[in-house]
Amino acid sequence: MMHNDRRWCIAPVATAEQLAHDLTERTWCCCNGFELSGYMFLNDATCGDGAQEYAVVTRRDDGSFLQVESVTFSWCDYFTALDIIQKILRGECDQADWVRPVTPRLESPEQHGCCPHCA
């Protein structure tokens, strides 16, 4: 996660297939984040029209967060993205050598309102 001062507006996603489609077929504001099965996919792009890089974060039992992956979804097709998302959801990235604690600022749509990154 490159942006320690960014606030992310988290929206739930129903399925890995929906998330793979949304992350490969659309461009999102830098403050958008998605939650699926306990994993948050946080837009970590440097700008709105740049590569759509996502930090993948999970919450530990003690309430702290770990970043378990970083994926540039704009470089993936749907099937590659789906494969990566399914791997993450199976927990295959949770024990990687580079997993690290992070402190994302997560907000509901009501809390988030509007920020400089919103379109």
C-alpha atoms as a PDB file:
ATOM      1  CA  MET A   1       0.000   0.000   0.000  1.00  0.00           C
ATOM      2  CA  MET A   2       1.672   3.151  -1.220  1.00  0.00           C
ATOM      3  CA  HIS A   3      -0.814   5.732   0.051  1.00  0.00           C
ATOM      4  CA  ASN A   4      -0.902   5.929   3.850  1.00  0.00           C
ATOM      5  CA  ASP A   5      -2.953   9.137   3.830  1.00  0.00           C
ATOM      6  CA  ARG A   6      -5.669   8.001   1.399  1.00  0.00           C
ATOM      7  CA  ARG A   7      -9.215   7.246   2.579  1.00  0.00           C
ATOM      8  CA  TRP A   8     -10.981   4.362   0.826  1.00  0.00           C
ATOM      9  CA  CYS A   9     -14.721   4.034   0.408  1.00  0.00           C
ATOM     10  CA  ILE A  10     -15.421   0.308   0.706  1.00  0.00           C
ATOM     11  CA  ALA A  11     -18.210  -1.384  -1.239  1.00  0.00           C
ATOM     12  CA  PRO A  12     -19.134  -5.054  -0.859  1.00  0.00           C
ATOM     13  CA  VAL A  13     -18.846  -7.342  -3.890  1.00  0.00           C
ATOM     14  CA  ALA A  14     -20.912 -10.518  -4.173  1.00  0.00           C
ATOM     15  CA  THR A  15     -18.592 -12.815  -6.142  1.00  0.00           C
ATOM     16  CA  ALA A  16     -15.046 -13.227  -7.409  1.00  0.00           C
ATOM     17  CA  GLU A  17     -16.436 -13.166 -10.942  1.00  0.00           C
ATOM     18  CA  GLN A  18     -18.079  -9.776 -10.390  1.00  0.00           C
ATOM     19  CA  LEU A  19     -14.885  -8.364  -8.866  1.00  0.00           C
ATOM     20  CA  ALA A  20     -12.718  -9.681 -11.722  1.00  0.00           C
ATOM     21  CA  HIS A  21     -15.073  -8.084 -14.243  1.00  0.00           C
ATOM     22  CA  ASP A  22     -15.269  -4.771 -12.401  1.00  0.00           C
ATOM     23  CA  LEU A  23     -11.508  -4.481 -11.901  1.00  0.00           C
ATOM     24  CA  THR A  24     -10.594  -5.354 -15.502  1.00  0.00           C
ATOM     25  CA  GLU A  25     -13.383  -3.635 -17.408  1.00  0.00           C
ATOM     26  CA  ARG A  26     -13.732  -0.351 -15.526  1.00  0.00           C
ATOM     27  CA  THR A  27     -11.543   2.422 -14.195  1.00  0.00           C
ATOM     28  CA  TRP A  28     -12.226   3.465 -10.621  1.00  0.00           C
ATOM     29  CA  CYS A  29     -11.536   6.574  -8.563  1.00  0.00           C
ATOM     30  CA  CYS A  30      -8.410   6.350  -6.430  1.00  0.00           C
ATOM     31  CA  CYS A  31     -10.546   6.239  -3.281  1.00  0.00           C
ATOM     32  CA  ASN A  32     -12.553   3.148  -4.273  1.00  0.00           C
ATOM     33  CA  GLY A  33     -12.151  -0.127  -2.451  1.00  0.00           C
ATOM     34  CA  PHE A  34     -14.001  -3.424  -2.606  1.00  0.00           C
ATOM     35  CA  GLU A  35     -14.580  -6.109   0.028  1.00  0.00           C
ATOM     36  CA  LEU A  36     -15.025  -9.783  -0.724  1.00  0.00           C
ATOM     37  CA  SER A  37     -14.817 -12.612   1.805  1.00  0.00           C
ATOM     38  CA  GLY A  38     -12.751 -10.672   4.306  1.00  0.00           C
ATOM     39  CA  TYR A  39     -10.311  -9.210   1.781  1.00  0.00           C
ATOM     40  CA  MET A  40     -10.279  -5.550   0.813  1.00  0.00           C
ATOM     41  CA  PHE A  41      -9.059  -4.576  -2.651  1.00  0.00           C
ATOM     42  CA  LEU A  42      -7.934  -0.953  -2.255  1.00  0.00           C
ATOM     43  CA  ASN A  43      -7.196   1.205  -5.290  1.00  0.00           C
ATOM     44  CA  ASP A  44      -3.538   2.092  -4.834  1.00  0.00           C
ATOM     45  CA  ALA A  45      -3.089   3.814  -8.210  1.00  0.00           C
ATOM     46  CA  THR A  46      -0.968   6.932  -8.327  1.00  0.00           C
ATOM     47  CA  CYS A  47      -3.640   8.808 -10.307  1.00  0.00           C
ATOM     48  CA  GLY A  48      -7.122   8.282 -11.716  1.00  0.00           C
ATOM     49  CA  ASP A  49      -5.991   7.693 -15.272  1.00  0.00           C
ATOM     50  CA  GLY A  50      -2.957   5.578 -14.350  1.00  0.00           C
ATOM     51  CA  ALA A  51      -2.568   1.833 -14.003  1.00  0.00           C
ATOM     52  CA  GLN A  52      -5.202   0.390 -11.670  1.00  0.00           C
ATOM     53  CA  GLU A  53      -2.994  -1.042  -8.919  1.00  0.00           C
ATOM     54  CA  TYR A  54      -4.775  -2.606  -5.941  1.00  0.00           C
ATOM     55  CA  ALA A  55      -3.413  -3.351  -2.494  1.00  0.00           C
ATOM     56  CA  VAL A  56      -5.082  -6.464  -1.099  1.00  0.00           C
ATOM     57  CA  VAL A  57      -5.593  -6.205   2.651  1.00  0.00           C
ATOM     58  CA  THR A  58      -7.160  -8.492   5.234  1.00  0.00           C
ATOM     59  CA  ARG A  59      -8.165  -7.805   8.830  1.00  0.00           C
ATOM     60  CA  ARG A  60      -6.597  -9.978  11.520  1.00  0.00           C
ATOM     61  CA  ASP A  61      -8.475 -11.257  14.566  1.00  0.00           C
ATOM     62  CA  ASP A  62      -7.011  -8.448  16.700  1.00  0.00           C
ATOM     63  CA  GLY A  63      -8.451  -5.796  14.337  1.00  0.00           C
ATOM     64  CA  SER A  64      -5.153  -4.895  12.695  1.00  0.00           C
ATOM     65  CA  PHE A  65      -4.585  -5.223   8.949  1.00  0.00           C
ATOM     66  CA  LEU A  66      -2.116  -7.076   6.745  1.00  0.00           C
ATOM     67  CA  GLN A  67      -1.370  -6.394   3.109  1.00  0.00           C
ATOM     68  CA  VAL A  68      -1.126  -9.796   1.436  1.00  0.00           C
ATOM     69  CA  GLU A  69      -0.835  -8.853  -2.231  1.00  0.00           C
ATOM     70  CA  SER A  70      -0.564  -6.032  -4.739  1.00  0.00           C
ATOM     71  CA  VAL A  71      -2.057  -6.501  -8.206  1.00  0.00           C
ATOM     72  CA  THR A  72      -2.133  -4.271 -11.273  1.00  0.00           C
ATOM     73  CA  PHE A  73      -5.557  -5.324 -12.535  1.00  0.00           C
ATOM     74  CA  SER A  74      -5.431  -3.022 -15.557  1.00  0.00           C
ATOM     75  CA  TRP A  75      -2.687  -5.318 -16.891  1.00  0.00           C
ATOM     76  CA  CYS A  76      -4.891  -8.412 -16.467  1.00  0.00           C
ATOM     77  CA  ASP A  77      -7.604  -9.858 -18.612  1.00  0.00           C
ATOM     78  CA  TYR A  78     -10.753 -11.171 -16.907  1.00  0.00           C
ATOM     79  CA  PHE A  79      -9.552 -14.784 -16.589  1.00  0.00           C
ATOM     80  CA  THR A  80      -6.148 -13.836 -15.188  1.00  0.00           C
ATOM     81  CA  ALA A  81      -7.797 -11.477 -12.679  1.00  0.00           C
ATOM     82  CA  LEU A  82     -10.294 -14.174 -11.659  1.00  0.00           C
ATOM     83  CA  ASP A  83      -7.463 -16.668 -11.116  1.00  0.00           C
ATOM     84  CA  ILE A  84      -5.546 -14.176  -8.942  1.00  0.00           C
ATOM     85  CA  ILE A  85      -8.657 -13.256  -6.920  1.00  0.00           C
ATOM     86  CA  GLN A  86      -9.516 -16.927  -6.317  1.00  0.00           C
ATOM     87  CA  LYS A  87      -5.932 -17.590  -5.181  1.00  0.00           C
ATOM     88  CA  ILE A  88      -6.201 -14.679  -2.727  1.00  0.00           C
ATOM     89  CA  LEU A  89      -9.585 -15.894  -1.422  1.00  0.00           C
ATOM     90  CA  ARG A  90      -8.109 -19.366  -0.803  1.00  0.00           C
ATOM     91  CA  GLY A  91      -5.539 -17.694   1.472  1.00  0.00           C
ATOM     92  CA  GLU A  92      -2.597 -18.618  -0.731  1.00  0.00           C
ATOM     93  CA  CYS A  93      -1.051 -15.152  -0.348  1.00  0.00           C
ATOM     94  CA  ASP A  94      -1.526 -14.804   3.417  1.00  0.00           C
ATOM     95  CA  GLN A  95       1.862 -16.309   4.316  1.00  0.00           C
ATOM     96  CA  ALA A  96       4.089 -14.749   1.627  1.00  0.00           C
ATOM     97  CA  ASP A  97       7.470 -13.435   2.760  1.00  0.00           C
ATOM     98  CA  TRP A  98       6.537  -9.832   2.040  1.00  0.00           C
ATOM     99  CA  VAL A  99       3.159  -9.726   3.864  1.00  0.00           C
ATOM    100  CA  ARG A 100       3.248  -6.661   6.081  1.00  0.00           C
ATOM    101  CA  PRO A 101       1.114  -4.738   8.551  1.00  0.00           C
ATOM    102  CA  VAL A 102      -0.679  -1.670   7.176  1.00  0.00           C
ATOM    103  CA  THR A 103      -3.131   0.887   8.557  1.00  0.00           C
ATOM    104  CA  PRO A 104      -5.676   1.692   5.835  1.00  0.00           C
ATOM    105  CA  ARG A 105      -8.330   4.322   6.454  1.00  0.00           C
ATOM    106  CA  LEU A 106     -11.541   2.515   5.472  1.00  0.00           C
ATOM    107  CA  GLU A 107     -14.924   4.233   5.262  1.00  0.00           C
ATOM    108  CA  SER A 108     -18.487   3.384   4.361  1.00  0.00           C
ATOM    109  CA  PRO A 109     -20.080   5.468   1.581  1.00  0.00           C
ATOM    110  CA  GLU A 110     -21.885   7.491   4.269  1.00  0.00           C
ATOM    111  CA  GLN A 111     -18.651   8.215   6.131  1.00  0.00           C
ATOM    112  CA  HIS A 112     -16.673   8.941   2.981  1.00  0.00           C
ATOM    113  CA  GLY A 113     -18.890  11.531   1.360  1.00  0.00           C
ATOM    114  CA  CYS A 114     -16.666  13.237  -1.212  1.00  0.00           C
ATOM    115  CA  CYS A 115     -12.886  13.579  -1.322  1.00  0.00           C
ATOM    116  CA  PRO A 116     -10.391  15.033  -3.853  1.00  0.00           C
ATOM    117  CA  HIS A 117     -10.146  11.586  -5.521  1.00  0.00           C
ATOM    118  CA  CYS A 118     -13.889  11.225  -6.153  1.00  0.00           C
ATOM    119  CA  ALA A 119     -15.063  11.774  -9.689  1.00  0.00           C
END
